[in-house]
Amino acid sequence: MATFAFAAGGQAAAVERPPIAWNAIPYPAKRKRQMASYAQRHYGFHRYGLRNPKVIVQHLTESSTYRPIWKMFANNVADNELGELPGVCSHFVIDQNGKIHQLVPISLMCRHTVGLNWTAIGIEHVGFNPSDVLGRAKVRTASLRLTNWLRCREGIAIKNVIGHNESVQSWYHHERVARLRGQTHDDFPTSAMRKYRAALRKLTC
């Protein structure tokens, strides 16, 4: 399936959807209610849907394989860091062989980045360091293809493709809970994301 966007001059340009394996985690009514309550606490509105996303956030799983992160997201237990429900999740996970797994529809919010869950698509990469993505051709290619397809599909600016470490710098960052307003993680800092965005700019819609 191709995504169509309009390039300069009004001509339609197609961006091919990369191969994506559908490996959904459970997201039943209970989790939707939890997500809506989370959104109320943190963003001031009561809904679980992700509408018109404006940001794509790149993450690292801090694991060496895919299955443990799928199980953690699927279990829907309160996270160790903040102790809230629903449990954490991301929309996509890219394995070390470059396989793209989609766990959650883009139409649903996932808890992956404090302050941005309300407007961000989350992409996890199996690994511990940005070099596990940027230094592996299959993973790098899969990540860039997925991100480019998503940003063209949703009309997301390249400057709003960020690493988790850059979250508090985002124009779209919004957090009602005062103690969390500076909370972020160290995965994908700006030094790595400059290289990532430079590669992304070579791709077109």
Protein backbone atom coordinates (compact mmCIF):
# COMPACT_ATOMS: atom_id res chain seq x y z
CA MET A 1 0.00 0.00 0.00
CA ALA A 2 1.39 3.41 -0.92
CA THR A 3 0.82 6.67 0.87
CA PHE A 4 0.21 9.67 -1.37
CA ALA A 5 1.40 13.16 -0.50
CA PHE A 6 1.64 16.27 -2.61
CA ALA A 7 5.10 17.43 -3.54
CA ALA A 8 6.09 20.91 -4.72
CA GLY A 9 4.07 21.92 -7.76
CA GLY A 10 1.06 19.92 -6.70
CA GLN A 11 2.26 16.59 -8.13
CA ALA A 12 1.37 13.48 -6.15
CA ALA A 13 4.31 11.49 -4.83
CA ALA A 14 3.95 7.96 -3.49
CA VAL A 15 5.82 6.63 -0.46
CA GLU A 16 5.73 2.88 -0.32
CA ARG A 17 4.69 1.31 2.96
CA PRO A 18 7.53 -0.84 4.27
CA PRO A 19 6.83 -4.46 5.22
CA ILE A 20 5.19 -4.44 8.66
CA ALA A 21 4.22 -7.49 10.71
CA TRP A 22 1.02 -7.04 12.71
CA ASN A 23 1.78 -8.37 16.22
CA ALA A 24 -0.85 -6.64 18.31
CA ILE A 25 -0.71 -6.42 22.08
CA PRO A 26 -4.04 -6.59 23.93
CA TYR A 27 -5.71 -3.17 24.04
CA PRO A 28 -9.20 -3.97 25.36
CA ALA A 29 -11.82 -1.63 26.81
CA LYS A 30 -10.13 -1.68 30.23
CA ARG A 31 -6.85 -0.41 28.81
CA LYS A 32 -8.69 2.22 26.81
CA ARG A 33 -10.36 3.48 30.00
CA GLN A 34 -6.98 3.57 31.73
CA MET A 35 -5.46 5.49 28.83
CA ALA A 36 -8.29 8.03 28.87
CA SER A 37 -7.83 8.54 32.62
CA TYR A 38 -4.07 8.94 32.12
CA ALA A 39 -4.72 11.54 29.42
CA GLN A 40 -7.03 13.41 31.78
CA ARG A 41 -4.39 13.52 34.52
CA HIS A 42 -1.49 14.47 32.28
CA TYR A 43 -3.01 16.42 29.39
CA GLY A 44 -6.39 17.68 30.56
CA PHE A 45 -8.66 15.74 28.21
CA HIS A 46 -10.39 12.39 28.55
CA ARG A 47 -9.73 10.16 25.53
CA TYR A 48 -7.58 7.24 24.45
CA GLY A 49 -7.42 8.00 20.73
CA LEU A 50 -4.36 9.49 19.03
CA ARG A 51 -5.57 12.26 16.75
CA ASN A 52 -3.47 13.97 14.09
CA PRO A 53 -0.05 13.04 15.53
CA LYS A 54 2.59 15.72 15.19
CA VAL A 55 5.67 13.95 16.58
CA ILE A 56 7.53 10.66 16.04
CA VAL A 57 9.72 9.55 18.95
CA GLN A 58 12.60 7.09 18.53
CA HIS A 59 13.38 4.76 21.43
CA LEU A 60 15.71 1.91 22.43
CA THR A 61 14.30 -1.15 24.19
CA GLU A 62 17.43 -1.74 26.31
CA SER A 63 17.03 -5.42 25.50
CA SER A 64 18.80 -7.77 23.11
CA THR A 65 15.66 -9.44 21.70
CA TYR A 66 12.14 -8.54 20.65
CA ARG A 67 9.90 -10.91 22.63
CA PRO A 68 10.59 -9.54 26.14
CA ILE A 69 9.57 -6.03 25.11
CA TRP A 70 6.39 -7.35 23.47
CA LYS A 71 5.51 -9.24 26.65
CA MET A 72 6.20 -6.20 28.83
CA PHE A 73 3.95 -4.01 26.70
CA ALA A 74 1.25 -6.69 26.50
CA ASN A 75 1.12 -7.37 30.25
CA ASN A 76 -0.28 -3.90 30.99
CA VAL A 77 1.03 -3.60 34.53
CA ALA A 78 1.92 -0.40 36.34
CA ASP A 79 5.41 0.69 35.33
CA ASN A 80 8.27 0.64 37.85
CA GLU A 81 9.25 4.24 37.15
CA LEU A 82 5.98 6.11 37.61
CA GLY A 83 3.64 3.41 38.93
CA GLU A 84 0.76 4.30 36.62
CA LEU A 85 -1.69 2.48 34.40
CA PRO A 86 -2.02 1.74 31.61
CA GLY A 87 1.34 0.06 31.19
CA VAL A 88 3.90 1.44 28.80
CA CYS A 89 3.86 0.60 25.09
CA SER A 90 4.96 1.80 21.67
CA HIS A 91 3.25 1.56 18.32
CA PHE A 92 6.18 -0.14 16.56
CA VAL A 93 9.22 -2.24 17.46
CA ILE A 94 12.08 -2.83 15.01
CA ASP A 95 14.05 -6.02 15.64
CA GLN A 96 17.80 -6.48 15.19
CA ASN A 97 17.22 -8.16 11.83
CA GLY A 98 15.30 -5.12 10.57
CA LYS A 99 11.84 -6.68 10.91
CA ILE A 100 9.17 -4.10 11.76
CA HIS A 101 6.48 -5.16 14.20
CA GLN A 102 3.35 -3.07 14.76
CA LEU A 103 1.84 -3.59 18.21
CA VAL A 104 -0.80 -0.87 18.43
CA PRO A 105 -2.87 0.97 15.80
CA ILE A 106 -1.74 4.54 15.19
CA SER A 107 -5.27 5.60 16.10
CA LEU A 108 -4.62 4.71 19.77
CA MET A 109 -2.38 6.44 22.29
CA CYS A 110 0.56 4.58 23.78
CA ARG A 111 2.52 5.50 26.89
CA HIS A 112 6.06 5.87 25.60
CA THR A 113 7.11 9.50 26.21
CA VAL A 114 6.06 11.68 29.12
CA GLY A 115 4.58 14.93 27.86
CA LEU A 116 4.11 13.73 24.29
CA ASN A 117 1.94 10.62 24.37
CA TRP A 118 -1.06 12.74 23.38
CA THR A 119 0.45 13.55 19.97
CA ALA A 120 3.35 11.16 19.33
CA ILE A 121 3.91 7.87 17.52
CA GLY A 122 6.45 5.70 19.32
CA ILE A 123 9.05 3.54 17.56
CA GLU A 124 11.19 1.17 19.63
CA HIS A 125 14.42 -0.37 18.37
CA VAL A 126 15.79 -3.54 19.92
CA GLY A 127 19.16 -2.57 21.35
CA PHE A 128 21.01 -0.52 23.91
CA ASN A 129 22.74 2.28 21.99
CA PRO A 130 21.99 4.44 18.94
CA SER A 131 24.83 2.59 17.20
CA ASP A 132 22.66 -0.54 17.36
CA VAL A 133 20.39 1.29 14.91
CA LEU A 134 22.64 3.64 12.97
CA GLY A 135 25.47 1.10 12.70
CA ARG A 136 23.38 -1.81 11.40
CA ALA A 137 22.33 -1.43 7.79
CA LYS A 138 19.13 -3.52 7.98
CA VAL A 139 17.90 -1.81 11.14
CA ARG A 140 18.83 1.67 9.93
CA THR A 141 17.10 1.14 6.58
CA ALA A 142 13.96 -0.28 8.19
CA SER A 143 13.79 2.54 10.72
CA LEU A 144 14.22 5.27 8.13
CA ARG A 145 11.69 3.68 5.77
CA LEU A 146 9.11 3.33 8.53
CA THR A 147 9.67 6.83 9.87
CA ASN A 148 9.56 8.37 6.41
CA TRP A 149 6.34 6.54 5.54
CA LEU A 150 4.74 7.65 8.81
CA ARG A 151 5.84 11.27 8.58
CA CYS A 152 4.64 11.52 4.97
CA ARG A 153 1.37 9.76 5.82
CA GLU A 154 0.67 12.02 8.81
CA GLY A 155 2.26 15.25 7.56
CA ILE A 156 4.88 15.33 10.34
CA ALA A 157 7.83 17.68 9.89
CA ILE A 158 11.32 16.16 10.03
CA LYS A 159 12.21 18.52 12.89
CA ASN A 160 9.49 16.76 14.89
CA VAL A 161 11.12 13.36 14.43
CA ILE A 162 12.97 13.26 17.74
CA GLY A 163 14.83 10.98 20.09
CA HIS A 164 13.37 10.24 23.51
CA ASN A 165 16.16 12.28 25.08
CA GLU A 166 14.92 15.35 23.16
CA SER A 167 11.33 15.10 24.41
CA VAL A 168 11.30 18.09 26.77
CA GLN A 169 12.63 20.31 23.97
CA SER A 170 9.67 19.56 21.72
CA TRP A 171 7.28 22.37 20.86
CA TYR A 172 4.46 19.89 21.54
CA HIS A 173 5.62 18.81 25.00
CA HIS A 174 2.80 19.28 27.50
CA GLU A 175 2.62 17.88 31.03
CA ARG A 176 0.17 18.84 33.78
CA VAL A 177 2.01 16.96 36.55
CA ALA A 178 4.68 19.37 37.76
CA ARG A 179 7.19 16.78 38.97
CA LEU A 180 7.27 15.17 35.52
CA ARG A 181 7.78 18.26 33.40
CA GLY A 182 11.52 17.69 33.11
CA GLN A 183 11.33 13.89 32.92
CA THR A 184 13.00 12.21 29.95
CA HIS A 185 15.31 9.29 29.11
CA ASP A 186 18.79 9.17 27.63
CA ASP A 187 18.02 7.11 24.52
CA PHE A 188 18.61 8.76 21.15
CA PRO A 189 20.22 12.05 22.22
CA THR A 190 20.57 14.97 19.81
CA SER A 191 24.04 13.85 18.67
CA ALA A 192 22.53 10.64 17.27
CA MET A 193 19.34 12.26 16.04
CA ARG A 194 21.25 14.82 13.96
CA LYS A 195 22.64 11.90 11.95
CA TYR A 196 19.23 10.24 11.81
CA ARG A 197 17.41 13.38 10.62
CA ALA A 198 20.16 14.05 8.04
CA ALA A 199 19.56 10.59 6.58
CA LEU A 200 15.79 11.13 6.73
CA ARG A 201 16.08 14.35 4.73
CA LYS A 202 17.51 12.34 1.84
CA LEU A 203 14.15 10.55 1.56
CA THR A 204 11.18 12.31 0.03
CA CYS A 205 7.42 12.24 0.16
